[in-house]
Structure formats: structure tokens, C-alpha cells
């Protein structure tokens, strides 16, 4: 099951991959900057739960790891 939510000006999509969850961050009409690069989507490491994946994504935005 996939789900999406908006946080600030970003879209966070959570997908289940096997027993784990991955967060993908994007922005409508623009690239996201991360790790000194710009791309359409930032992808998290896999997480044990959907809630943890959401937290990882929001934390990356809040800590300016994704801009």
C-alpha cells in the first residue's frame, strides 16, 4: 500500500518494499537538493515501519538535508 502526504512544500510518498518502508520526497514543479545534488526525488534508506519512514522524511526536510 502506498500513501502520500504534503509536508511544507514537499510531497512525501511512503511505499512498502517487502516488510520494510521507504520514503520518497519530491516537490511539484521543481527539483529537490540533497547531498550536493539536485534531483526529482530524494529516497530514504529502508525503515522498519511506515511511521518511522514518515519521521525520517520530515526530519530530512526539517534539518535541511533535503531542500
PDB file of N, CA and C in Angstrom:
ATOM      1  N   UNK A   1       0.843  -1.182   0.000  1.00  0.00           N
ATOM      2  CA  UNK A   1       0.000   0.000   0.000  1.00  0.00           C
ATOM      3  C   UNK A   1       0.890   1.247   0.000  1.00  0.00           C
ATOM      4  N   UNK A   2       0.647   2.157  -0.884  1.00  0.00           N
ATOM      5  CA  UNK A   2       1.380   3.408  -0.953  1.00  0.00           C
ATOM      6  C   UNK A   2       0.530   4.512  -0.340  1.00  0.00           C
ATOM      7  N   UNK A   3       1.188   5.484   0.268  1.00  0.00           N
ATOM      8  CA  UNK A   3       0.440   6.644   0.718  1.00  0.00           C
ATOM      9  C   UNK A   3       1.282   7.888   0.524  1.00  0.00           C
ATOM     10  N   UNK A   4       0.608   9.015   0.390  1.00  0.00           N
ATOM     11  CA  UNK A   4       1.271  10.288   0.163  1.00  0.00           C
ATOM     12  C   UNK A   4       0.720  11.323   1.111  1.00  0.00           C
ATOM     13  N   UNK A   5       1.590  12.275   1.452  1.00  0.00           N
ATOM     14  CA  UNK A   5       1.157  13.412   2.241  1.00  0.00           C
ATOM     15  C   UNK A   5       2.016  14.606   1.876  1.00  0.00           C
ATOM     16  N   UNK A   6       1.495  15.774   2.151  1.00  0.00           N
ATOM     17  CA  UNK A   6       2.224  17.006   1.903  1.00  0.00           C
ATOM     18  C   UNK A   6       2.792  17.495   3.223  1.00  0.00           C
ATOM     19  N   UNK A   7       4.049  17.924   3.189  1.00  0.00           N
ATOM     20  CA  UNK A   7       4.699  18.491   4.361  1.00  0.00           C
ATOM     21  C   UNK A   7       5.468  19.709   3.889  1.00  0.00           C
ATOM     22  N   UNK A   8       5.079  20.866   4.413  1.00  0.00           N
ATOM     23  CA  UNK A   8       5.597  22.144   3.926  1.00  0.00           C
ATOM     24  C   UNK A   8       5.335  22.187   2.430  1.00  0.00           C
ATOM     25  N   UNK A   9       6.334  22.436   1.585  1.00  0.00           N
ATOM     26  CA  UNK A   9       6.060  22.453   0.139  1.00  0.00           C
ATOM     27  C   UNK A   9       6.458  21.147  -0.543  1.00  0.00           C
ATOM     28  N   UNK A  10       6.682  20.103   0.235  1.00  0.00           N
ATOM     29  CA  UNK A  10       7.155  18.821  -0.293  1.00  0.00           C
ATOM     30  C   UNK A  10       6.052  17.772  -0.283  1.00  0.00           C
ATOM     31  N   UNK A  11       6.176  16.803  -1.174  1.00  0.00           N
ATOM     32  CA  UNK A  11       5.303  15.646  -1.171  1.00  0.00           C
ATOM     33  C   UNK A  11       6.136  14.476  -0.660  1.00  0.00           C
ATOM     34  N   UNK A  12       5.589  13.768   0.302  1.00  0.00           N
ATOM     35  CA  UNK A  12       6.239  12.582   0.848  1.00  0.00           C
ATOM     36  C   UNK A  12       5.401  11.381   0.447  1.00  0.00           C
ATOM     37  N   UNK A  13       6.018  10.441  -0.238  1.00  0.00           N
ATOM     38  CA  UNK A  13       5.348   9.203  -0.617  1.00  0.00           C
ATOM     39  C   UNK A  13       6.022   8.062   0.136  1.00  0.00           C
ATOM     40  N   UNK A  14       5.223   7.252   0.801  1.00  0.00           N
ATOM     41  CA  UNK A  14       5.734   6.104   1.536  1.00  0.00           C
ATOM     42  C   UNK A  14       5.311   4.846   0.779  1.00  0.00           C
ATOM     43  N   UNK A  15       6.281   4.014   0.469  1.00  0.00           N
ATOM     44  CA  UNK A  15       5.985   2.758  -0.221  1.00  0.00           C
ATOM     45  C   UNK A  15       6.502   1.596   0.613  1.00  0.00           C
ATOM     46  N   UNK A  16       5.792   0.505   0.521  1.00  0.00           N
ATOM     47  CA  UNK A  16       6.230  -0.703   1.210  1.00  0.00           C
ATOM     48  C   UNK A  16       6.989  -1.558   0.222  1.00  0.00           C
ATOM     49  N   UNK A  17       8.183  -1.971   0.622  1.00  0.00           N
ATOM     50  CA  UNK A  17       9.022  -2.843  -0.202  1.00  0.00           C
ATOM     51  C   UNK A  17       9.336  -4.071   0.624  1.00  0.00           C
ATOM     52  N   UNK A  18       8.579  -5.129   0.388  1.00  0.00           N
ATOM     53  CA  UNK A  18       8.682  -6.309   1.242  1.00  0.00           C
ATOM     54  C   UNK A  18       8.176  -5.934   2.622  1.00  0.00           C
ATOM     55  N   UNK A  19       8.914  -6.309   3.663  1.00  0.00           N
ATOM     56  CA  UNK A  19       8.461  -5.979   5.017  1.00  0.00           C
ATOM     57  C   UNK A  19       8.884  -4.576   5.480  1.00  0.00           C
ATOM     58  N   UNK A  20       9.573  -3.822   4.627  1.00  0.00           N
ATOM     59  CA  UNK A  20      10.126  -2.527   5.029  1.00  0.00           C
ATOM     60  C   UNK A  20       9.468  -1.391   4.252  1.00  0.00           C
ATOM     61  N   UNK A  21       9.741  -0.158   4.678  1.00  0.00           N
ATOM     62  CA  UNK A  21       9.113   1.026   4.106  1.00  0.00           C
ATOM     63  C   UNK A  21      10.173   2.029   3.659  1.00  0.00           C
ATOM     64  N   UNK A  22       9.879   2.746   2.584  1.00  0.00           N
ATOM     65  CA  UNK A  22      10.795   3.736   2.019  1.00  0.00           C
ATOM     66  C   UNK A  22      10.032   5.047   1.833  1.00  0.00           C
ATOM     67  N   UNK A  23      10.691   6.146   2.174  1.00  0.00           N
ATOM     68  CA  UNK A  23      10.119   7.479   1.953  1.00  0.00           C
ATOM     69  C   UNK A  23      10.757   8.095   0.715  1.00  0.00           C
ATOM     70  N   UNK A  24       9.936   8.732  -0.092  1.00  0.00           N
ATOM     71  CA  UNK A  24      10.415   9.470  -1.259  1.00  0.00           C
ATOM     72  C   UNK A  24       9.894  10.890  -1.152  1.00  0.00           C
ATOM     73  N   UNK A  25      10.805  11.857  -1.268  1.00  0.00           N
ATOM     74  CA  UNK A  25      10.433  13.266  -1.163  1.00  0.00           C
ATOM     75  C   UNK A  25      10.588  13.914  -2.526  1.00  0.00           C
ATOM     76  N   UNK A  26       9.560  14.655  -2.938  1.00  0.00           N
ATOM     77  CA  UNK A  26       9.608  15.408  -4.188  1.00  0.00           C
ATOM     78  C   UNK A  26       8.932  16.756  -3.965  1.00  0.00           C
ATOM     79  N   UNK A  27       9.025  17.591  -4.970  1.00  0.00           N
ATOM     80  CA  UNK A  27       8.381  18.909  -4.911  1.00  0.00           C
ATOM     81  C   UNK A  27       7.747  19.164  -6.267  1.00  0.00           C
ATOM     82  N   UNK A  28       6.476  19.575  -6.273  1.00  0.00           N
ATOM     83  CA  UNK A  28       5.802  19.887  -7.532  1.00  0.00           C
ATOM     84  C   UNK A  28       6.527  21.010  -8.260  1.00  0.00           C
ATOM     85  N   UNK A  29       6.820  20.778  -9.520  1.00  0.00           N
ATOM     86  CA  UNK A  29       7.395  21.820 -10.355  1.00  0.00           C
ATOM     87  C   UNK A  29       8.837  22.161 -10.071  1.00  0.00           C
ATOM     88  N   UNK A  30       9.560  21.322  -9.328  1.00  0.00           N
ATOM     89  CA  UNK A  30      10.946  21.656  -9.054  1.00  0.00           C
ATOM     90  C   UNK A  30      11.743  20.465  -8.570  1.00  0.00           C
ATOM     91  N   UNK A  31      13.033  20.658  -8.540  1.00  0.00           N
ATOM     92  CA  UNK A  31      13.934  19.624  -8.059  1.00  0.00           C
ATOM     93  C   UNK A  31      14.142  19.788  -6.564  1.00  0.00           C
ATOM     94  N   UNK A  32      14.541  18.722  -5.914  1.00  0.00           N
ATOM     95  CA  UNK A  32      14.941  18.790  -4.517  1.00  0.00           C
ATOM     96  C   UNK A  32      16.459  18.683  -4.457  1.00  0.00           C
ATOM     97  N   UNK A  33      17.060  19.468  -3.598  1.00  0.00           N
ATOM     98  CA  UNK A  33      18.515  19.442  -3.424  1.00  0.00           C
ATOM     99  C   UNK A  33      18.850  18.570  -2.225  1.00  0.00           C
ATOM    100  N   UNK A  34      19.869  17.732  -2.395  1.00  0.00           N
ATOM    101  CA  UNK A  34      20.324  16.860  -1.315  1.00  0.00           C
ATOM    102  C   UNK A  34      21.725  16.376  -1.638  1.00  0.00           C
ATOM    103  N   UNK A  35      22.521  16.222  -0.627  1.00  0.00           N
ATOM    104  CA  UNK A  35      23.872  15.682  -0.799  1.00  0.00           C
ATOM    105  C   UNK A  35      24.667  16.418  -1.874  1.00  0.00           C
ATOM    106  N   UNK A  36      24.454  17.725  -2.007  1.00  0.00           N
ATOM    107  CA  UNK A  36      25.183  18.495  -3.009  1.00  0.00           C
ATOM    108  C   UNK A  36      24.704  18.301  -4.434  1.00  0.00           C
ATOM    109  N   UNK A  37      23.563  17.647  -4.601  1.00  0.00           N
ATOM    110  CA  UNK A  37      22.995  17.399  -5.930  1.00  0.00           C
ATOM    111  C   UNK A  37      21.553  17.871  -5.972  1.00  0.00           C
ATOM    112  N   UNK A  38      20.992  17.880  -7.146  1.00  0.00           N
ATOM    113  CA  UNK A  38      19.567  18.170  -7.317  1.00  0.00           C
ATOM    114  C   UNK A  38      18.958  17.049  -8.158  1.00  0.00           C
ATOM    115  N   UNK A  39      17.791  16.587  -7.741  1.00  0.00           N
ATOM    116  CA  UNK A  39      17.107  15.539  -8.482  1.00  0.00           C
ATOM    117  C   UNK A  39      15.604  15.668  -8.270  1.00  0.00           C
ATOM    118  N   UNK A  40      14.858  14.870  -8.995  1.00  0.00           N
ATOM    119  CA  UNK A  40      13.404  14.923  -8.883  1.00  0.00           C
ATOM    120  C   UNK A  40      12.908  14.324  -7.571  1.00  0.00           C
ATOM    121  N   UNK A  41      13.652  13.352  -7.038  1.00  0.00           N
ATOM    122  CA  UNK A  41      13.198  12.642  -5.839  1.00  0.00           C
ATOM    123  C   UNK A  41      14.384  12.322  -4.935  1.00  0.00           C
ATOM    124  N   UNK A  42      14.184  12.484  -3.619  1.00  0.00           N
ATOM    125  CA  UNK A  42      15.127  12.011  -2.605  1.00  0.00           C
ATOM    126  C   UNK A  42      14.525  10.746  -2.028  1.00  0.00           C
ATOM    127  N   UNK A  43      15.331   9.703  -1.868  1.00  0.00           N
ATOM    128  CA  UNK A  43      14.846   8.421  -1.366  1.00  0.00           C
ATOM    129  C   UNK A  43      15.576   8.085  -0.072  1.00  0.00           C
ATOM    130  N   UNK A  44      14.817   7.709   0.946  1.00  0.00           N
ATOM    131  CA  UNK A  44      15.409   7.342   2.234  1.00  0.00           C
ATOM    132  C   UNK A  44      15.937   5.918   2.206  1.00  0.00           C
ATOM    133  N   UNK A  45      16.687   5.590   3.238  1.00  0.00           N
ATOM    134  CA  UNK A  45      17.024   4.192   3.483  1.00  0.00           C
ATOM    135  C   UNK A  45      15.739   3.492   3.909  1.00  0.00           C
ATOM    136  N   UNK A  46      15.724   2.174   3.886  1.00  0.00           N
ATOM    137  CA  UNK A  46      14.519   1.461   4.295  1.00  0.00           C
ATOM    138  C   UNK A  46      14.343   1.559   5.810  1.00  0.00           C
ATOM    139  N   UNK A  47      13.082   1.536   6.224  1.00  0.00           N
ATOM    140  CA  UNK A  47      12.722   1.658   7.641  1.00  0.00           C
ATOM    141  C   UNK A  47      11.840   0.481   8.040  1.00  0.00           C
ATOM    142  N   UNK A  48      11.811   0.190   9.346  1.00  0.00           N
ATOM    143  CA  UNK A  48      11.011  -0.927   9.853  1.00  0.00           C
ATOM    144  C   UNK A  48       9.521  -0.659   9.878  1.00  0.00           C
ATOM    145  N   UNK A  49       9.134   0.623   9.896  1.00  0.00           N
ATOM    146  CA  UNK A  49       7.701   0.921   9.975  1.00  0.00           C
ATOM    147  C   UNK A  49       7.361   2.123   9.097  1.00  0.00           C
ATOM    148  N   UNK A  50       6.091   2.244   8.765  1.00  0.00           N
ATOM    149  CA  UNK A  50       5.603   3.382   7.982  1.00  0.00           C
ATOM    150  C   UNK A  50       5.814   4.677   8.778  1.00  0.00           C
ATOM    151  N   UNK A  51       5.514   4.649  10.070  1.00  0.00           N
ATOM    152  CA  UNK A  51       5.693   5.845  10.904  1.00  0.00           C
ATOM    153  C   UNK A  51       7.145   6.303  10.927  1.00  0.00           C
ATOM    154  N   UNK A  52       8.059   5.363  11.013  1.00  0.00           N
ATOM    155  CA  UNK A  52       9.485   5.711  11.015  1.00  0.00           C
ATOM    156  C   UNK A  52       9.884   6.315   9.678  1.00  0.00           C
ATOM    157  N   UNK A  53       9.383   5.804   8.574  1.00  0.00           N
ATOM    158  CA  UNK A  53       9.701   6.351   7.250  1.00  0.00           C
ATOM    159  C   UNK A  53       9.202   7.791   7.131  1.00  0.00           C
ATOM    160  N   UNK A  54       8.005   8.057   7.652  1.00  0.00           N
ATOM    161  CA  UNK A  54       7.471   9.422   7.643  1.00  0.00           C
ATOM    162  C   UNK A  54       8.370  10.320   8.489  1.00  0.00           C
ATOM    163  N   UNK A  55       8.755   9.848   9.666  1.00  0.00           N
ATOM    164  CA  UNK A  55       9.626  10.632  10.549  1.00  0.00           C
ATOM    165  C   UNK A  55      10.958  10.941   9.870  1.00  0.00           C
ATOM    166  N   UNK A  56      11.558   9.941   9.221  1.00  0.00           N
ATOM    167  CA  UNK A  56      12.839  10.137   8.525  1.00  0.00           C
ATOM    168  C   UNK A  56      12.698  11.213   7.453  1.00  0.00           C
ATOM    169  N   UNK A  57      11.624  11.172   6.686  1.00  0.00           N
ATOM    170  CA  UNK A  57      11.413  12.158   5.619  1.00  0.00           C
ATOM    171  C   UNK A  57      11.233  13.562   6.194  1.00  0.00           C
ATOM    172  N   UNK A  58      10.367  13.698   7.201  1.00  0.00           N
ATOM    173  CA  UNK A  58      10.137  15.014   7.796  1.00  0.00           C
ATOM    174  C   UNK A  58      11.401  15.543   8.468  1.00  0.00           C
ATOM    175  N   UNK A  59      12.151  14.684   9.106  1.00  0.00           N
ATOM    176  CA  UNK A  59      13.398  15.090   9.740  1.00  0.00           C
ATOM    177  C   UNK A  59      14.410  15.569   8.695  1.00  0.00           C
ATOM    178  N   UNK A  60      14.493  14.888   7.562  1.00  0.00           N
ATOM    179  CA  UNK A  60      15.404  15.307   6.492  1.00  0.00           C
ATOM    180  C   UNK A  60      15.041  16.704   5.995  1.00  0.00           C
ATOM    181  N   UNK A  61      13.756  16.991   5.895  1.00  0.00           N
ATOM    182  CA  UNK A  61      13.301  18.322   5.477  1.00  0.00           C
ATOM    183  C   UNK A  61      13.600  19.345   6.579  1.00  0.00           C
ATOM    184  N   UNK A  62      13.240  19.031   7.808  1.00  0.00           N
ATOM    185  CA  UNK A  62      13.435  19.958   8.923  1.00  0.00           C
ATOM    186  C   UNK A  62      14.906  20.282   9.164  1.00  0.00           C
ATOM    187  N   UNK A  63      15.778  19.326   8.941  1.00  0.00           N
ATOM    188  CA  UNK A  63      17.211  19.523   9.192  1.00  0.00           C
ATOM    189  C   UNK A  63      17.956  20.040   7.948  1.00  0.00           C
ATOM    190  N   UNK A  64      17.204  20.427   6.901  1.00  0.00           N
ATOM    191  CA  UNK A  64      17.765  20.943   5.649  1.00  0.00           C
ATOM    192  C   UNK A  64      18.689  19.975   4.919  1.00  0.00           C
ATOM    193  N   UNK A  65      18.501  18.673   5.148  1.00  0.00           N
ATOM    194  CA  UNK A  65      19.238  17.679   4.352  1.00  0.00           C
ATOM    195  C   UNK A  65      18.607  17.573   2.976  1.00  0.00           C
ATOM    196  N   UNK A  66      17.330  17.930   2.909  1.00  0.00           N
ATOM    197  CA  UNK A  66      16.591  17.990   1.639  1.00  0.00           C
ATOM    198  C   UNK A  66      16.042  19.406   1.545  1.00  0.00           C
ATOM    199  N   UNK A  67      16.353  20.103   0.438  1.00  0.00           N
ATOM    200  CA  UNK A  67      15.874  21.485   0.263  1.00  0.00           C
ATOM    201  C   UNK A  67      15.237  21.645  -1.094  1.00  0.00           C
TER     202      UNK A  67
END
